[in-house]
Structure formats: structure tokens, C-alpha cells
Amino acid sequence: MSKQHQCCQSCGLPWDKDPKAGGTNEDGSQSDLYCSYCFSMGAFVQPDWTAKDMQEYAIKVLAKKGVPEMLGKMLTQGISKLERWNK
């Protein structure tokens, strides 16, 4: 599948880090915009989250993987610029 973006447009996860290679649209087809952690069957897994909520969550996930908090903040600073948050 050819995706126009290099990462999920909700959380910033690179496509090669998504075990399912993308979320699913309502018809079951694969989403070109969102990863399987963020999007399932045409809906966001956390529909009420803001970009700040997503960034805070991503920093926690990265910390569990051994990424220092400062680096986590740097890696997630672009979340608010992703397509989901700019509609």
C-alpha cells in the first residue's frame, strides 16, 4: 500500500512500527491516514482526545520503552501539526 504520509496523522507513529500497518475504515479497508492504535472501523479509538492529550499519552508510552522524558517531548512536539488536529 502506498501511503501519502510517513506516519499516522493522529499520533505520529511511523507506519513500520504499526503491527497492523494501519487502522481500518468503516468498510474494513485499511486507512491511509491513521494507525491501528488510533483508528478502528472508521472511528477514533479516543474520539474526545485533544492533540495535547495525545502528546502526553505518547510521552508515557515512549517512557515505558526507555525513552527519556525530554526526548519524548521532542519526538512528540509535532503531533499538533498532524492532519487529525488541523481540521
PDB file of N, CA and C in Angstrom:
ATOM      1  N   MET A   1       0.838  -1.179   0.000  1.00  0.00           N
ATOM      2  CA  MET A   1       0.000   0.000   0.000  1.00  0.00           C
ATOM      3  C   MET A   1       0.884   1.243   0.000  1.00  0.00           C
ATOM      4  N   SER A   2       0.488   2.205  -0.754  1.00  0.00           N
ATOM      5  CA  SER A   2       1.228   3.456  -0.828  1.00  0.00           C
ATOM      6  C   SER A   2       0.520   4.506   0.020  1.00  0.00           C
ATOM      7  N   LYS A   3       1.166   4.938   1.067  1.00  0.00           N
ATOM      8  CA  LYS A   3       0.583   5.955   1.939  1.00  0.00           C
ATOM      9  C   LYS A   3       1.246   7.294   1.623  1.00  0.00           C
ATOM     10  N   GLN A   4       0.448   8.355   1.578  1.00  0.00           N
ATOM     11  CA  GLN A   4       0.996   9.664   1.218  1.00  0.00           C
ATOM     12  C   GLN A   4       1.772  10.304   2.369  1.00  0.00           C
ATOM     13  N   HIS A   5       1.529   9.863   3.604  1.00  0.00           N
ATOM     14  CA  HIS A   5       2.243  10.381   4.765  1.00  0.00           C
ATOM     15  C   HIS A   5       3.193   9.300   5.281  1.00  0.00           C
ATOM     16  N   GLN A   6       4.236   9.701   5.991  1.00  0.00           N
ATOM     17  CA  GLN A   6       5.212   8.750   6.517  1.00  0.00           C
ATOM     18  C   GLN A   6       4.818   8.194   7.880  1.00  0.00           C
ATOM     19  N   CYS A   7       3.766   8.781   8.473  1.00  0.00           N
ATOM     20  CA  CYS A   7       3.363   8.351   9.810  1.00  0.00           C
ATOM     21  C   CYS A   7       1.864   8.583  10.005  1.00  0.00           C
ATOM     22  N   CYS A   8       1.356   8.028  11.094  1.00  0.00           N
ATOM     23  CA  CYS A   8      -0.043   8.225  11.479  1.00  0.00           C
ATOM     24  C   CYS A   8      -0.315   9.715  11.652  1.00  0.00           C
ATOM     25  N   GLN A   9      -1.432  10.162  11.112  1.00  0.00           N
ATOM     26  CA  GLN A   9      -1.776  11.575  11.192  1.00  0.00           C
ATOM     27  C   GLN A   9      -2.592  11.920  12.436  1.00  0.00           C
ATOM     28  N   SER A  10      -2.515  11.041  13.436  1.00  0.00           N
ATOM     29  CA  SER A  10      -3.129  11.299  14.730  1.00  0.00           C
ATOM     30  C   SER A  10      -2.069  11.312  15.837  1.00  0.00           C
ATOM     31  N   CYS A  11      -1.181  10.292  15.825  1.00  0.00           N
ATOM     32  CA  CYS A  11      -0.183  10.171  16.906  1.00  0.00           C
ATOM     33  C   CYS A  11       1.259  10.313  16.438  1.00  0.00           C
ATOM     34  N   GLY A  12       1.496  10.215  15.137  1.00  0.00           N
ATOM     35  CA  GLY A  12       2.853  10.350  14.614  1.00  0.00           C
ATOM     36  C   GLY A  12       3.629   9.046  14.526  1.00  0.00           C
ATOM     37  N   LEU A  13       3.002   7.925  14.842  1.00  0.00           N
ATOM     38  CA  LEU A  13       3.678   6.628  14.784  1.00  0.00           C
ATOM     39  C   LEU A  13       4.099   6.311  13.342  1.00  0.00           C
ATOM     40  N   PRO A  14       5.372   5.988  13.119  1.00  0.00           N
ATOM     41  CA  PRO A  14       5.802   5.597  11.767  1.00  0.00           C
ATOM     42  C   PRO A  14       5.072   4.316  11.344  1.00  0.00           C
ATOM     43  N   TRP A  15       4.720   4.216  10.075  1.00  0.00           N
ATOM     44  CA  TRP A  15       3.948   3.058   9.584  1.00  0.00           C
ATOM     45  C   TRP A  15       4.637   1.735   9.894  1.00  0.00           C
ATOM     46  N   ASP A  16       5.963   1.700   9.841  1.00  0.00           N
ATOM     47  CA  ASP A  16       6.654   0.424  10.072  1.00  0.00           C
ATOM     48  C   ASP A  16       6.633  -0.009  11.536  1.00  0.00           C
ATOM     49  N   LYS A  17       6.129   0.827  12.433  1.00  0.00           N
ATOM     50  CA  LYS A  17       6.011   0.478  13.849  1.00  0.00           C
ATOM     51  C   LYS A  17       4.594   0.007  14.207  1.00  0.00           C
ATOM     52  N   ASP A  18       3.673   0.092  13.258  1.00  0.00           N
ATOM     53  CA  ASP A  18       2.288  -0.342  13.487  1.00  0.00           C
ATOM     54  C   ASP A  18       2.179  -1.819  13.103  1.00  0.00           C
ATOM     55  N   PRO A  19       1.862  -2.689  14.068  1.00  0.00           N
ATOM     56  CA  PRO A  19       1.802  -4.124  13.761  1.00  0.00           C
ATOM     57  C   PRO A  19       0.746  -4.492  12.718  1.00  0.00           C
ATOM     58  N   LYS A  20      -0.249  -3.631  12.538  1.00  0.00           N
ATOM     59  CA  LYS A  20      -1.299  -3.914  11.550  1.00  0.00           C
ATOM     60  C   LYS A  20      -1.157  -3.048  10.297  1.00  0.00           C
ATOM     61  N   ALA A  21      -0.110  -2.250  10.234  1.00  0.00           N
ATOM     62  CA  ALA A  21       0.195  -1.384   9.081  1.00  0.00           C
ATOM     63  C   ALA A  21      -0.906  -0.370   8.787  1.00  0.00           C
ATOM     64  N   GLY A  22      -1.706  -0.039   9.784  1.00  0.00           N
ATOM     65  CA  GLY A  22      -2.730   0.985   9.616  1.00  0.00           C
ATOM     66  C   GLY A  22      -4.040   0.596  10.256  1.00  0.00           C
ATOM     67  N   GLY A  23      -4.825   1.609  10.601  1.00  0.00           N
ATOM     68  CA  GLY A  23      -6.154   1.378  11.146  1.00  0.00           C
ATOM     69  C   GLY A  23      -7.110   0.963  10.042  1.00  0.00           C
ATOM     70  N   THR A  24      -8.364   0.782  10.407  1.00  0.00           N
ATOM     71  CA  THR A  24      -9.360   0.347   9.427  1.00  0.00           C
ATOM     72  C   THR A  24     -10.465   1.372   9.276  1.00  0.00           C
ATOM     73  N   ASN A  25     -10.910   1.524   8.039  1.00  0.00           N
ATOM     74  CA  ASN A  25     -12.049   2.374   7.736  1.00  0.00           C
ATOM     75  C   ASN A  25     -13.332   1.616   8.076  1.00  0.00           C
ATOM     76  N   GLU A  26     -14.455   2.292   7.998  1.00  0.00           N
ATOM     77  CA  GLU A  26     -15.739   1.688   8.351  1.00  0.00           C
ATOM     78  C   GLU A  26     -16.036   0.435   7.526  1.00  0.00           C
ATOM     79  N   ASP A  27     -15.597   0.432   6.268  1.00  0.00           N
ATOM     80  CA  ASP A  27     -15.846  -0.732   5.397  1.00  0.00           C
ATOM     81  C   ASP A  27     -14.813  -1.845   5.579  1.00  0.00           C
ATOM     82  N   GLY A  28     -13.889  -1.667   6.522  1.00  0.00           N
ATOM     83  CA  GLY A  28     -12.868  -2.677   6.790  1.00  0.00           C
ATOM     84  C   GLY A  28     -11.585  -2.494   6.006  1.00  0.00           C
ATOM     85  N   SER A  29     -11.583  -1.571   5.039  1.00  0.00           N
ATOM     86  CA  SER A  29     -10.359  -1.305   4.276  1.00  0.00           C
ATOM     87  C   SER A  29      -9.356  -0.576   5.173  1.00  0.00           C
ATOM     88  N   GLN A  30      -8.103  -0.616   4.764  1.00  0.00           N
ATOM     89  CA  GLN A  30      -7.040  -0.008   5.575  1.00  0.00           C
ATOM     90  C   GLN A  30      -7.004   1.505   5.395  1.00  0.00           C
ATOM     91  N   SER A  31      -6.849   2.206   6.509  1.00  0.00           N
ATOM     92  CA  SER A  31      -6.763   3.663   6.493  1.00  0.00           C
ATOM     93  C   SER A  31      -5.408   4.113   5.972  1.00  0.00           C
ATOM     94  N   ASP A  32      -5.408   5.138   5.147  1.00  0.00           N
ATOM     95  CA  ASP A  32      -4.162   5.731   4.646  1.00  0.00           C
ATOM     96  C   ASP A  32      -3.645   6.822   5.576  1.00  0.00           C
ATOM     97  N   LEU A  33      -4.447   7.185   6.585  1.00  0.00           N
ATOM     98  CA  LEU A  33      -4.083   8.308   7.445  1.00  0.00           C
ATOM     99  C   LEU A  33      -3.746   7.924   8.885  1.00  0.00           C
ATOM    100  N   TYR A  34      -4.409   6.903   9.413  1.00  0.00           N
ATOM    101  CA  TYR A  34      -4.315   6.637  10.846  1.00  0.00           C
ATOM    102  C   TYR A  34      -3.891   5.214  11.158  1.00  0.00           C
ATOM    103  N   CYS A  35      -3.124   5.056  12.242  1.00  0.00           N
ATOM    104  CA  CYS A  35      -2.621   3.743  12.652  1.00  0.00           C
ATOM    105  C   CYS A  35      -3.696   2.931  13.377  1.00  0.00           C
ATOM    106  N   SER A  36      -3.403   1.665  13.596  1.00  0.00           N
ATOM    107  CA  SER A  36      -4.359   0.774  14.251  1.00  0.00           C
ATOM    108  C   SER A  36      -4.558   1.113  15.726  1.00  0.00           C
ATOM    109  N   TYR A  37      -3.630   1.823  16.332  1.00  0.00           N
ATOM    110  CA  TYR A  37      -3.789   2.226  17.728  1.00  0.00           C
ATOM    111  C   TYR A  37      -4.766   3.402  17.858  1.00  0.00           C
ATOM    112  N   CYS A  38      -4.873   4.211  16.814  1.00  0.00           N
ATOM    113  CA  CYS A  38      -5.702   5.420  16.856  1.00  0.00           C
ATOM    114  C   CYS A  38      -7.062   5.270  16.197  1.00  0.00           C
ATOM    115  N   PHE A  39      -7.178   4.371  15.223  1.00  0.00           N
ATOM    116  CA  PHE A  39      -8.361   4.349  14.362  1.00  0.00           C
ATOM    117  C   PHE A  39      -8.801   2.921  14.088  1.00  0.00           C
ATOM    118  N   SER A  40     -10.078   2.626  14.328  1.00  0.00           N
ATOM    119  CA  SER A  40     -10.590   1.280  14.100  1.00  0.00           C
ATOM    120  C   SER A  40     -12.030   1.338  13.602  1.00  0.00           C
ATOM    121  N   MET A  41     -12.291   0.656  12.516  1.00  0.00           N
ATOM    122  CA  MET A  41     -13.631   0.587  11.913  1.00  0.00           C
ATOM    123  C   MET A  41     -14.254   1.972  11.687  1.00  0.00           C
ATOM    124  N   GLY A  42     -13.426   2.887  11.203  1.00  0.00           N
ATOM    125  CA  GLY A  42     -13.906   4.205  10.810  1.00  0.00           C
ATOM    126  C   GLY A  42     -14.069   5.207  11.933  1.00  0.00           C
ATOM    127  N   ALA A  43     -13.556   4.885  13.116  1.00  0.00           N
ATOM    128  CA  ALA A  43     -13.703   5.802  14.247  1.00  0.00           C
ATOM    129  C   ALA A  43     -12.402   5.889  15.045  1.00  0.00           C
ATOM    130  N   PHE A  44     -12.182   7.025  15.663  1.00  0.00           N
ATOM    131  CA  PHE A  44     -11.014   7.173  16.515  1.00  0.00           C
ATOM    132  C   PHE A  44     -11.211   6.385  17.805  1.00  0.00           C
ATOM    133  N   VAL A  45     -10.177   5.720  18.255  1.00  0.00           N
ATOM    134  CA  VAL A  45     -10.223   4.931  19.481  1.00  0.00           C
ATOM    135  C   VAL A  45     -10.451   5.861  20.685  1.00  0.00           C
ATOM    136  N   GLN A  46      -9.848   7.033  20.649  1.00  0.00           N
ATOM    137  CA  GLN A  46     -10.030   8.049  21.703  1.00  0.00           C
ATOM    138  C   GLN A  46     -10.621   9.311  21.052  1.00  0.00           C
ATOM    139  N   PRO A  47     -11.925   9.303  20.755  1.00  0.00           N
ATOM    140  CA  PRO A  47     -12.516  10.419  19.991  1.00  0.00           C
ATOM    141  C   PRO A  47     -12.509  11.764  20.694  1.00  0.00           C
ATOM    142  N   ASP A  48     -12.448  11.777  22.013  1.00  0.00           N
ATOM    143  CA  ASP A  48     -12.519  13.039  22.748  1.00  0.00           C
ATOM    144  C   ASP A  48     -11.168  13.649  23.070  1.00  0.00           C
ATOM    145  N   TRP A  49     -10.086  12.977  22.686  1.00  0.00           N
ATOM    146  CA  TRP A  49      -8.755  13.489  22.998  1.00  0.00           C
ATOM    147  C   TRP A  49      -8.429  14.722  22.177  1.00  0.00           C
ATOM    148  N   THR A  50      -7.583  15.568  22.781  1.00  0.00           N
ATOM    149  CA  THR A  50      -7.017  16.718  22.078  1.00  0.00           C
ATOM    150  C   THR A  50      -5.596  16.340  21.646  1.00  0.00           C
ATOM    151  N   ALA A  51      -4.974  17.194  20.881  1.00  0.00           N
ATOM    152  CA  ALA A  51      -3.585  16.953  20.486  1.00  0.00           C
ATOM    153  C   ALA A  51      -2.692  16.890  21.728  1.00  0.00           C
ATOM    154  N   LYS A  52      -2.971  17.708  22.731  1.00  0.00           N
ATOM    155  CA  LYS A  52      -2.189  17.699  23.972  1.00  0.00           C
ATOM    156  C   LYS A  52      -2.364  16.364  24.705  1.00  0.00           C
ATOM    157  N   ASP A  53      -3.588  15.844  24.738  1.00  0.00           N
ATOM    158  CA  ASP A  53      -3.834  14.533  25.355  1.00  0.00           C
ATOM    159  C   ASP A  53      -3.007  13.455  24.645  1.00  0.00           C
ATOM    160  N   MET A  54      -3.000  13.518  23.326  1.00  0.00           N
ATOM    161  CA  MET A  54      -2.266  12.522  22.540  1.00  0.00           C
ATOM    162  C   MET A  54      -0.775  12.629  22.819  1.00  0.00           C
ATOM    163  N   GLN A  55      -0.266  13.836  22.871  1.00  0.00           N
ATOM    164  CA  GLN A  55       1.163  14.029  23.139  1.00  0.00           C
ATOM    165  C   GLN A  55       1.529  13.481  24.516  1.00  0.00           C
ATOM    166  N   GLU A  56       0.730  13.775  25.528  1.00  0.00           N
ATOM    167  CA  GLU A  56       1.010  13.292  26.875  1.00  0.00           C
ATOM    168  C   GLU A  56       1.000  11.767  26.925  1.00  0.00           C
ATOM    169  N   TYR A  57       0.041  11.163  26.231  1.00  0.00           N
ATOM    170  CA  TYR A  57      -0.033   9.703  26.182  1.00  0.00           C
ATOM    171  C   TYR A  57       1.194   9.115  25.481  1.00  0.00           C
ATOM    172  N   ALA A  58       1.567   9.706  24.349  1.00  0.00           N
ATOM    173  CA  ALA A  58       2.712   9.209  23.583  1.00  0.00           C
ATOM    174  C   ALA A  58       4.007   9.314  24.396  1.00  0.00           C
ATOM    175  N   ILE A  59       4.167  10.369  25.160  1.00  0.00           N
ATOM    176  CA  ILE A  59       5.355  10.532  26.010  1.00  0.00           C
ATOM    177  C   ILE A  59       5.408   9.400  27.040  1.00  0.00           C
ATOM    178  N   LYS A  60       4.258   9.046  27.614  1.00  0.00           N
ATOM    179  CA  LYS A  60       4.196   7.947  28.592  1.00  0.00           C
ATOM    180  C   LYS A  60       4.551   6.607  27.943  1.00  0.00           C
ATOM    181  N   VAL A  61       4.033   6.369  26.752  1.00  0.00           N
ATOM    182  CA  VAL A  61       4.340   5.119  26.033  1.00  0.00           C
ATOM    183  C   VAL A  61       5.833   5.043  25.733  1.00  0.00           C
ATOM    184  N   LEU A  62       6.400   6.141  25.259  1.00  0.00           N
ATOM    185  CA  LEU A  62       7.828   6.165  24.963  1.00  0.00           C
ATOM    186  C   LEU A  62       8.657   5.945  26.223  1.00  0.00           C
ATOM    187  N   ALA A  63       8.235   6.525  27.341  1.00  0.00           N
ATOM    188  CA  ALA A  63       8.956   6.357  28.615  1.00  0.00           C
ATOM    189  C   ALA A  63       8.986   4.882  29.021  1.00  0.00           C
ATOM    190  N   LYS A  64       7.869   4.175  28.797  1.00  0.00           N
ATOM    191  CA  LYS A  64       7.818   2.738  29.114  1.00  0.00           C
ATOM    192  C   LYS A  64       8.792   1.943  28.260  1.00  0.00           C
ATOM    193  N   LYS A  65       9.145   2.501  27.115  1.00  0.00           N
ATOM    194  CA  LYS A  65      10.103   1.840  26.222  1.00  0.00           C
ATOM    195  C   LYS A  65      11.526   2.323  26.477  1.00  0.00           C
ATOM    196  N   GLY A  66      11.718   3.113  27.526  1.00  0.00           N
ATOM    197  CA  GLY A  66      13.048   3.551  27.909  1.00  0.00           C
ATOM    198  C   GLY A  66      13.496   4.886  27.343  1.00  0.00           C
ATOM    199  N   VAL A  67      12.581   5.604  26.694  1.00  0.00           N
ATOM    200  CA  VAL A  67      12.932   6.908  26.115  1.00  0.00           C
ATOM    201  C   VAL A  67      12.825   7.969  27.220  1.00  0.00           C
ATOM    202  N   PRO A  68      13.890   8.735  27.454  1.00  0.00           N
ATOM    203  CA  PRO A  68      13.843   9.790  28.477  1.00  0.00           C
ATOM    204  C   PRO A  68      12.745  10.816  28.165  1.00  0.00           C
ATOM    205  N   GLU A  69      12.166  11.390  29.219  1.00  0.00           N
ATOM    206  CA  GLU A  69      11.043  12.316  29.055  1.00  0.00           C
ATOM    207  C   GLU A  69      11.370  13.483  28.113  1.00  0.00           C
ATOM    208  N   MET A  70      12.556  14.055  28.245  1.00  0.00           N
ATOM    209  CA  MET A  70      12.926  15.187  27.395  1.00  0.00           C
ATOM    210  C   MET A  70      12.930  14.792  25.919  1.00  0.00           C
ATOM    211  N   LEU A  71      13.485  13.624  25.618  1.00  0.00           N
ATOM    212  CA  LEU A  71      13.492  13.146  24.239  1.00  0.00           C
ATOM    213  C   LEU A  71      12.069  12.828  23.780  1.00  0.00           C
ATOM    214  N   GLY A  72      11.262  12.269  24.660  1.00  0.00           N
ATOM    215  CA  GLY A  72       9.857  12.000  24.335  1.00  0.00           C
ATOM    216  C   GLY A  72       9.122  13.269  23.954  1.00  0.00           C
ATOM    217  N   LYS A  73       9.378  14.345  24.693  1.00  0.00           N
ATOM    218  CA  LYS A  73       8.752  15.641  24.376  1.00  0.00           C
ATOM    219  C   LYS A  73       9.197  16.133  23.006  1.00  0.00           C
ATOM    220  N   MET A  74      10.475  15.951  22.704  1.00  0.00           N
ATOM    221  CA  MET A  74      10.991  16.382  21.401  1.00  0.00           C
ATOM    222  C   MET A  74      10.365  15.555  20.273  1.00  0.00           C
ATOM    223  N   LEU A  75      10.264  14.252  20.477  1.00  0.00           N
ATOM    224  CA  LEU A  75       9.732  13.360  19.448  1.00  0.00           C
ATOM    225  C   LEU A  75       8.245  13.579  19.186  1.00  0.00           C
ATOM    226  N   THR A  76       7.538  14.110  20.167  1.00  0.00           N
ATOM    227  CA  THR A  76       6.091  14.272  20.021  1.00  0.00           C
ATOM    228  C   THR A  76       5.645  15.714  19.804  1.00  0.00           C
ATOM    229  N   GLN A  77       6.583  16.629  19.707  1.00  0.00           N
ATOM    230  CA  GLN A  77       6.204  18.041  19.594  1.00  0.00           C
ATOM    231  C   GLN A  77       5.433  18.365  18.313  1.00  0.00           C
ATOM    232  N   GLY A  78       5.545  17.523  17.292  1.00  0.00           N
ATOM    233  CA  GLY A  78       4.844  17.781  16.035  1.00  0.00           C
ATOM    234  C   GLY A  78       3.433  17.221  15.970  1.00  0.00           C
ATOM    235  N   ILE A  79       2.971  16.573  17.025  1.00  0.00           N
ATOM    236  CA  ILE A  79       1.637  15.962  16.997  1.00  0.00           C
ATOM    237  C   ILE A  79       0.556  16.978  16.647  1.00  0.00           C
ATOM    238  N   SER A  80       0.613  18.156  17.212  1.00  0.00           N
ATOM    239  CA  SER A  80      -0.441  19.156  16.963  1.00  0.00           C
ATOM    240  C   SER A  80      -0.494  19.607  15.500  1.00  0.00           C
ATOM    241  N   LYS A  81       0.532  19.323  14.746  1.00  0.00           N
ATOM    242  CA  LYS A  81       0.574  19.709  13.321  1.00  0.00           C
ATOM    243  C   LYS A  81       0.030  18.617  12.396  1.00  0.00           C
ATOM    244  N   LEU A  82      -0.280  17.453  12.953  1.00  0.00           N
ATOM    245  CA  LEU A  82      -0.781  16.339  12.147  1.00  0.00           C
ATOM    246  C   LEU A  82      -2.208  16.601  11.685  1.00  0.00           C
ATOM    247  N   GLU A  83      -2.594  15.923  10.611  1.00  0.00           N
ATOM    248  CA  GLU A  83      -3.870  16.188   9.939  1.00  0.00           C
ATOM    249  C   GLU A  83      -5.091  16.091  10.863  1.00  0.00           C
ATOM    250  N   ARG A  84      -5.119  15.110  11.760  1.00  0.00           N
ATOM    251  CA  ARG A  84      -6.289  14.963  12.639  1.00  0.00           C
ATOM    252  C   ARG A  84      -6.567  16.234  13.432  1.00  0.00           C
ATOM    253  N   TRP A  85      -5.542  16.903  13.853  1.00  0.00           N
ATOM    254  CA  TRP A  85      -5.694  18.042  14.757  1.00  0.00           C
ATOM    255  C   TRP A  85      -5.819  19.365  14.017  1.00  0.00           C
ATOM    256  N   ASN A  86      -5.766  19.338  12.698  1.00  0.00           N
ATOM    257  CA  ASN A  86      -5.827  20.574  11.908  1.00  0.00           C
ATOM    258  C   ASN A  86      -7.004  20.579  10.939  1.00  0.00           C
ATOM    259  N   LYS A  87      -8.113  20.063  11.403  1.00  0.00           N
ATOM    260  CA  LYS A  87      -9.322  20.036  10.541  1.00  0.00           C
ATOM    261  C   LYS A  87     -10.299  21.092  10.983  1.00  0.00           C
TER     262      LYS A  87
END
